[in-house]
Structure formats: structure tokens, C-alpha cells
Protein backbone atom coordinates (compact mmCIF):
# COMPACT_ATOMS: atom_id res chain seq x y z
CA UNK A 1 0.00 0.00 0.00
CA UNK A 2 1.15 3.51 -0.71
CA UNK A 3 0.47 6.68 1.28
CA UNK A 4 2.35 9.85 0.42
CA UNK A 5 6.07 9.17 0.65
CA UNK A 6 5.59 5.78 2.35
CA UNK A 7 5.14 2.33 0.84
CA UNK A 8 4.15 -0.57 3.10
CA UNK A 9 4.25 -4.24 2.10
CA UNK A 10 2.70 -6.77 4.42
CA UNK A 11 4.29 -9.68 2.59
CA UNK A 12 6.97 -10.17 -0.03
CA UNK A 13 6.99 -12.49 -3.00
CA UNK A 14 10.62 -13.57 -2.92
CA UNK A 15 10.52 -14.64 -6.55
CA UNK A 16 10.09 -11.09 -7.81
CA UNK A 17 12.99 -8.71 -8.48
CA UNK A 18 14.56 -6.48 -7.30
CA UNK A 19 16.26 -8.12 -4.35
CA UNK A 20 16.51 -5.67 -1.41
CA UNK A 21 20.07 -4.42 -0.95
CA UNK A 22 19.98 -5.13 2.77
CA UNK A 23 19.52 -8.87 2.06
CA UNK A 24 22.43 -11.30 1.89
CA UNK A 25 24.73 -11.07 -1.12
CA UNK A 26 22.88 -11.41 -4.39
CA UNK A 27 21.86 -15.05 -4.55
CA UNK A 28 22.91 -17.56 -7.18
CA UNK A 29 19.41 -18.99 -6.94
CA UNK A 30 16.44 -17.27 -5.34
CA UNK A 31 15.08 -18.90 -2.22
CA UNK A 32 14.04 -18.47 1.39
CA UNK A 33 17.63 -18.46 2.68
CA UNK A 34 18.40 -15.26 0.80
CA UNK A 35 15.31 -13.29 1.78
CA UNK A 36 13.98 -15.17 4.79
CA UNK A 37 11.01 -13.77 6.64
CA UNK A 38 11.41 -10.09 5.77
CA UNK A 39 7.82 -8.91 6.05
CA UNK A 40 6.45 -6.43 6.73
CA UNK A 41 8.46 -3.85 4.82
CA UNK A 42 8.35 -0.06 4.90
CA UNK A 43 10.06 2.19 2.37
CA UNK A 44 10.47 5.98 2.35
CA UNK A 45 10.13 6.68 -1.37
CA UNK A 46 11.19 10.33 -1.00
CA UNK A 47 14.76 9.22 -0.26
CA UNK A 48 14.71 5.63 -1.58
CA UNK A 49 12.62 5.44 -4.77
CA UNK A 50 14.26 2.13 -5.67
CA UNK A 51 12.84 0.50 -2.51
CA UNK A 52 16.21 -0.84 -1.43
CA UNK A 53 16.24 -0.11 2.31
CA UNK A 54 13.58 -1.33 4.72
CA UNK A 55 13.06 1.41 7.34
CA UNK A 56 10.42 -0.32 9.46
CA UNK A 57 12.73 -0.44 12.49
CA UNK A 58 13.27 3.32 12.25
CA UNK A 59 9.60 4.24 11.76
CA UNK A 60 7.50 1.59 13.55
CA UNK A 61 4.70 4.10 14.21
CA UNK A 62 4.29 4.81 10.48
CA UNK A 63 4.25 1.07 9.74
CA UNK A 64 1.59 0.43 12.37
CA UNK A 65 -0.57 3.27 11.04
CA UNK A 66 -0.29 1.95 7.50
CA UNK A 67 -1.07 -1.60 8.64
CA UNK A 68 -4.23 -0.27 10.28
CA UNK A 69 -5.23 1.56 7.10
CA UNK A 70 -4.67 -1.61 5.08
CA UNK A 71 -6.83 -3.68 7.44
CA UNK A 72 -9.55 -1.00 7.29
CA UNK A 73 -9.43 -0.99 3.46
CA UNK A 74 -9.63 -4.80 3.36
CA UNK A 75 -12.79 -4.72 5.51
CA UNK A 76 -14.33 -2.12 3.20
CA UNK A 77 -13.34 -4.05 0.06
CA UNK A 78 -14.82 -7.27 1.44
CA UNK A 79 -18.18 -5.53 1.95
CA UNK A 80 -17.95 -3.70 -1.38
CA UNK A 81 -15.71 -5.76 -3.69
CA UNK A 82 -16.56 -3.93 -6.91
CA UNK A 83 -16.60 -0.45 -5.40
CA UNK A 84 -20.13 0.34 -6.51
CA UNK A 85 -21.46 1.25 -3.06
CA UNK A 86 -20.71 4.69 -1.71
């Protein structure tokens, strides 16, 4: 999910590039050992548009707020999956 300068990912598909730069050395073969359990992720796109550095440890309050917004949106989308209701 994206909100202003922040991008929050609750989970990561480890078979999709790019590999975060704070992971182990670039792997010879993608797999759990290289990326492990890295979720959730938070990126500050104003200083890191390439989404290379997870800043969730630095801004846990922002991550928690965004997680709450995501949960709220999921509840709304479940009630209104096509977005027709206002």
C-alpha cells in the first residue's frame, strides 16, 4: 500500500525482483535463505525510490498506522468488492 512518501508491504513475494540491498549477497538462486522472513516492509520513497532499504525499524509508528489503514481498506473491500457502493 502507498500513502504519500511511504510504501508498506505486508508480505513479499521472494521470486520477484529487485532483491533488497539489505539482504544477503545477491543469490545464485532465489530462495528463502536469501530473503527469509522479511515482512512487513516499509520504504520511504522520498529518499529511496528504488525500494532498497527497509526502514520499518526506524519508523514503527508509520508502519503500524499503515497496517491499520490496510486492514480497514480490506474490511471495506470485502463488503464492497466492486466499489459500486458509496
